[in-house]
N, C-alpha and C. Protein backbone atom coordinates (compact mmCIF):
# COMPACT_ATOMS: atom_id res chain seq x y z
N UNK A 1 14.77 6.62 -25.56
CA UNK A 1 13.25 6.25 -25.60
C UNK A 1 12.52 7.43 -25.05
N UNK A 2 11.51 7.79 -25.89
CA UNK A 2 10.62 8.83 -25.61
C UNK A 2 9.23 8.36 -25.10
N UNK A 3 8.90 9.10 -24.12
CA UNK A 3 7.53 8.67 -23.40
C UNK A 3 6.68 9.87 -23.66
N UNK A 4 5.61 9.81 -24.28
CA UNK A 4 4.79 11.07 -24.53
C UNK A 4 3.44 10.84 -23.83
N UNK A 5 2.94 11.75 -23.05
CA UNK A 5 1.59 11.75 -22.55
C UNK A 5 0.78 12.87 -22.94
N UNK A 6 -0.25 12.60 -23.57
CA UNK A 6 -1.13 13.46 -24.11
C UNK A 6 -2.26 13.92 -22.98
N UNK A 7 -2.44 15.19 -23.00
CA UNK A 7 -3.54 15.58 -21.90
C UNK A 7 -4.47 16.50 -22.74
N UNK A 8 -5.69 16.37 -22.29
CA UNK A 8 -6.72 17.09 -23.03
C UNK A 8 -6.82 18.48 -22.29
N UNK A 9 -7.39 19.37 -22.94
CA UNK A 9 -7.63 20.79 -22.34
C UNK A 9 -8.51 20.69 -21.17
N UNK A 10 -7.87 21.36 -20.13
CA UNK A 10 -8.71 21.37 -18.83
C UNK A 10 -8.52 20.09 -17.97
N UNK A 11 -7.70 19.20 -18.53
CA UNK A 11 -7.47 17.97 -17.65
C UNK A 11 -6.29 18.36 -16.58
N UNK A 12 -6.57 17.72 -15.38
CA UNK A 12 -5.71 17.92 -14.18
C UNK A 12 -4.33 17.37 -14.61
N UNK A 13 -3.26 18.08 -14.15
CA UNK A 13 -1.97 17.63 -14.32
C UNK A 13 -1.62 16.43 -13.56
N UNK A 14 -2.17 16.34 -12.18
CA UNK A 14 -2.00 15.33 -11.42
C UNK A 14 -2.28 13.97 -12.19
N UNK A 15 -3.45 14.06 -12.91
CA UNK A 15 -3.81 12.69 -13.66
C UNK A 15 -2.79 12.46 -14.76
N UNK A 16 -2.30 13.39 -15.37
CA UNK A 16 -1.28 13.31 -16.61
C UNK A 16 0.00 12.60 -15.85
N UNK A 17 0.41 12.97 -14.71
CA UNK A 17 1.52 12.53 -14.10
C UNK A 17 1.38 11.12 -13.67
N UNK A 18 0.24 10.70 -13.28
CA UNK A 18 -0.30 9.34 -12.78
C UNK A 18 -0.22 8.44 -14.05
N UNK A 19 -0.68 8.86 -15.18
CA UNK A 19 -0.64 8.14 -16.45
C UNK A 19 0.95 7.90 -16.85
N UNK A 20 1.72 9.06 -16.71
CA UNK A 20 3.07 8.99 -17.04
C UNK A 20 3.76 7.84 -16.18
N UNK A 21 3.51 7.85 -14.89
CA UNK A 21 4.17 7.01 -13.91
C UNK A 21 3.90 5.56 -14.15
N UNK A 22 2.48 5.25 -14.70
CA UNK A 22 1.94 4.03 -15.02
C UNK A 22 2.83 3.51 -16.23
N UNK A 23 3.03 4.45 -17.16
CA UNK A 23 3.80 4.09 -18.53
C UNK A 23 5.17 3.61 -18.12
N UNK A 24 5.87 4.37 -17.29
CA UNK A 24 7.17 3.99 -16.89
C UNK A 24 7.34 2.76 -16.11
N UNK A 25 6.30 2.48 -15.17
CA UNK A 25 6.22 1.21 -14.49
C UNK A 25 6.08 -0.02 -15.41
N UNK A 26 5.11 0.12 -16.43
CA UNK A 26 5.01 -0.88 -17.43
C UNK A 26 6.15 -1.34 -18.16
N UNK A 27 6.94 -0.27 -18.41
CA UNK A 27 8.02 -0.57 -19.24
C UNK A 27 9.27 -0.90 -18.42
N UNK A 28 9.28 -0.85 -17.06
CA UNK A 28 10.33 -1.29 -16.00
C UNK A 28 11.45 -0.32 -16.35
N UNK A 29 11.31 1.00 -16.65
CA UNK A 29 12.45 1.81 -17.03
C UNK A 29 13.18 2.02 -15.81
N UNK A 30 12.69 2.09 -14.60
CA UNK A 30 13.45 2.52 -13.37
C UNK A 30 14.33 1.29 -13.07
N UNK A 31 13.87 0.11 -13.13
CA UNK A 31 14.76 -1.04 -12.96
C UNK A 31 15.83 -1.19 -13.73
N UNK A 32 15.58 -0.87 -15.15
CA UNK A 32 16.72 -0.96 -16.06
C UNK A 32 17.76 0.13 -15.77
N UNK A 33 17.31 1.25 -15.47
CA UNK A 33 18.32 2.38 -15.12
C UNK A 33 19.15 2.07 -13.92
N UNK A 34 18.50 1.48 -12.88
CA UNK A 34 19.11 1.15 -11.72
C UNK A 34 20.09 -0.04 -11.92
N UNK A 35 19.72 -0.94 -12.64
CA UNK A 35 20.59 -2.09 -13.03
C UNK A 35 21.88 -1.69 -13.82
N UNK A 36 21.77 -0.64 -14.63
CA UNK A 36 22.92 -0.29 -15.47
C UNK A 36 23.75 0.85 -14.85
N UNK A 37 23.52 1.16 -13.58
CA UNK A 37 24.29 2.22 -12.94
C UNK A 37 25.67 1.66 -12.67
N UNK A 38 25.81 0.33 -12.33
CA UNK A 38 27.09 -0.24 -12.18
C UNK A 38 27.12 -1.50 -12.82
N UNK A 39 28.29 -2.03 -13.31
CA UNK A 39 28.50 -3.23 -13.84
C UNK A 39 28.61 -4.44 -12.75
N UNK A 40 27.87 -5.45 -12.87
CA UNK A 40 27.92 -6.61 -11.86
C UNK A 40 28.33 -7.86 -12.63
N UNK A 41 29.42 -8.48 -12.23
CA UNK A 41 30.02 -9.64 -12.85
C UNK A 41 29.02 -10.81 -13.09
N UNK A 42 28.95 -11.52 -13.95
CA UNK A 42 27.95 -12.58 -14.17
C UNK A 42 28.01 -13.66 -13.04
N UNK A 43 29.17 -13.94 -12.51
CA UNK A 43 29.21 -14.81 -11.40
C UNK A 43 28.64 -14.27 -10.12
N UNK A 44 28.60 -12.84 -10.01
CA UNK A 44 27.96 -12.27 -8.86
C UNK A 44 26.44 -12.29 -9.10
N UNK A 45 25.97 -12.19 -10.29
CA UNK A 45 24.56 -12.19 -10.78
C UNK A 45 23.94 -13.69 -10.43
N UNK A 46 24.81 -14.52 -10.71
CA UNK A 46 24.27 -15.95 -10.47
C UNK A 46 24.14 -16.32 -8.93
N UNK A 47 25.21 -15.67 -8.28
CA UNK A 47 25.08 -15.87 -6.71
C UNK A 47 23.87 -15.22 -6.05
N UNK A 48 23.64 -13.92 -6.60
CA UNK A 48 22.48 -13.32 -6.12
C UNK A 48 21.25 -14.06 -6.43
N UNK A 49 21.09 -14.54 -7.64
CA UNK A 49 19.88 -15.34 -8.10
C UNK A 49 19.71 -16.56 -7.06
N UNK A 50 20.76 -17.24 -6.83
CA UNK A 50 20.74 -18.36 -5.85
C UNK A 50 20.21 -18.05 -4.56
N UNK A 51 20.93 -16.90 -3.95
CA UNK A 51 20.40 -16.44 -2.67
C UNK A 51 18.90 -16.16 -2.60
N UNK A 52 18.52 -15.50 -3.73
CA UNK A 52 17.04 -15.09 -3.82
C UNK A 52 16.21 -16.45 -3.75
N UNK A 53 16.50 -17.46 -4.58
CA UNK A 53 15.85 -18.66 -4.62
C UNK A 53 15.78 -19.29 -3.32
N UNK A 54 16.91 -19.27 -2.51
CA UNK A 54 17.00 -19.97 -1.18
C UNK A 54 16.07 -19.20 -0.30
N UNK A 55 16.13 -17.94 -0.41
CA UNK A 55 15.20 -17.12 0.61
C UNK A 55 13.82 -17.41 0.37
N UNK A 56 13.33 -17.59 -1.08
CA UNK A 56 11.88 -17.60 -1.19
C UNK A 56 11.52 -19.18 -0.80
N UNK A 57 12.33 -20.20 -0.95
CA UNK A 57 12.08 -21.54 -0.54
C UNK A 57 11.94 -21.57 1.00
N UNK A 58 12.94 -20.88 1.57
CA UNK A 58 12.89 -20.85 2.99
C UNK A 58 11.55 -20.12 3.73
N UNK A 59 11.10 -19.00 2.89
CA UNK A 59 9.99 -18.37 3.36
C UNK A 59 8.73 -19.28 3.11
N UNK A 60 8.68 -20.05 1.95
CA UNK A 60 7.65 -20.91 1.65
C UNK A 60 7.48 -22.06 2.74
N UNK A 61 8.62 -22.61 3.12
CA UNK A 61 8.64 -23.62 4.23
C UNK A 61 8.13 -23.18 5.52
N UNK A 62 8.57 -22.01 5.87
CA UNK A 62 8.24 -21.52 7.22
C UNK A 62 6.66 -21.16 7.13
N UNK A 63 6.15 -20.68 6.11
CA UNK A 63 4.81 -20.38 5.84
C UNK A 63 4.01 -21.55 5.84
N UNK A 64 4.39 -22.68 5.35
CA UNK A 64 3.81 -23.95 5.32
C UNK A 64 3.70 -24.51 6.83
N UNK A 65 4.80 -24.33 7.61
CA UNK A 65 4.74 -24.87 8.84
C UNK A 65 3.74 -24.25 9.74
N UNK A 66 3.62 -22.94 9.55
CA UNK A 66 2.67 -22.29 10.47
C UNK A 66 1.14 -22.50 10.00
N UNK A 67 0.97 -22.89 8.76
CA UNK A 67 -0.47 -23.03 8.25
C UNK A 67 -0.90 -24.31 8.53
């Protein structure tokens, strides 16, 4: 996949880098690369998802109790 960022003559390089970073974030490239660094078994993925759901629910309940 190619990401090209065009800059105008006299435009600041910092601004071009910022635009480039935004493009990468919109495409979630960093997450995809990190996820593909190692293989995770499907059963482990399901376990991780369950744990995340439990954590979110627990957080919401605690938040509700204090409000």
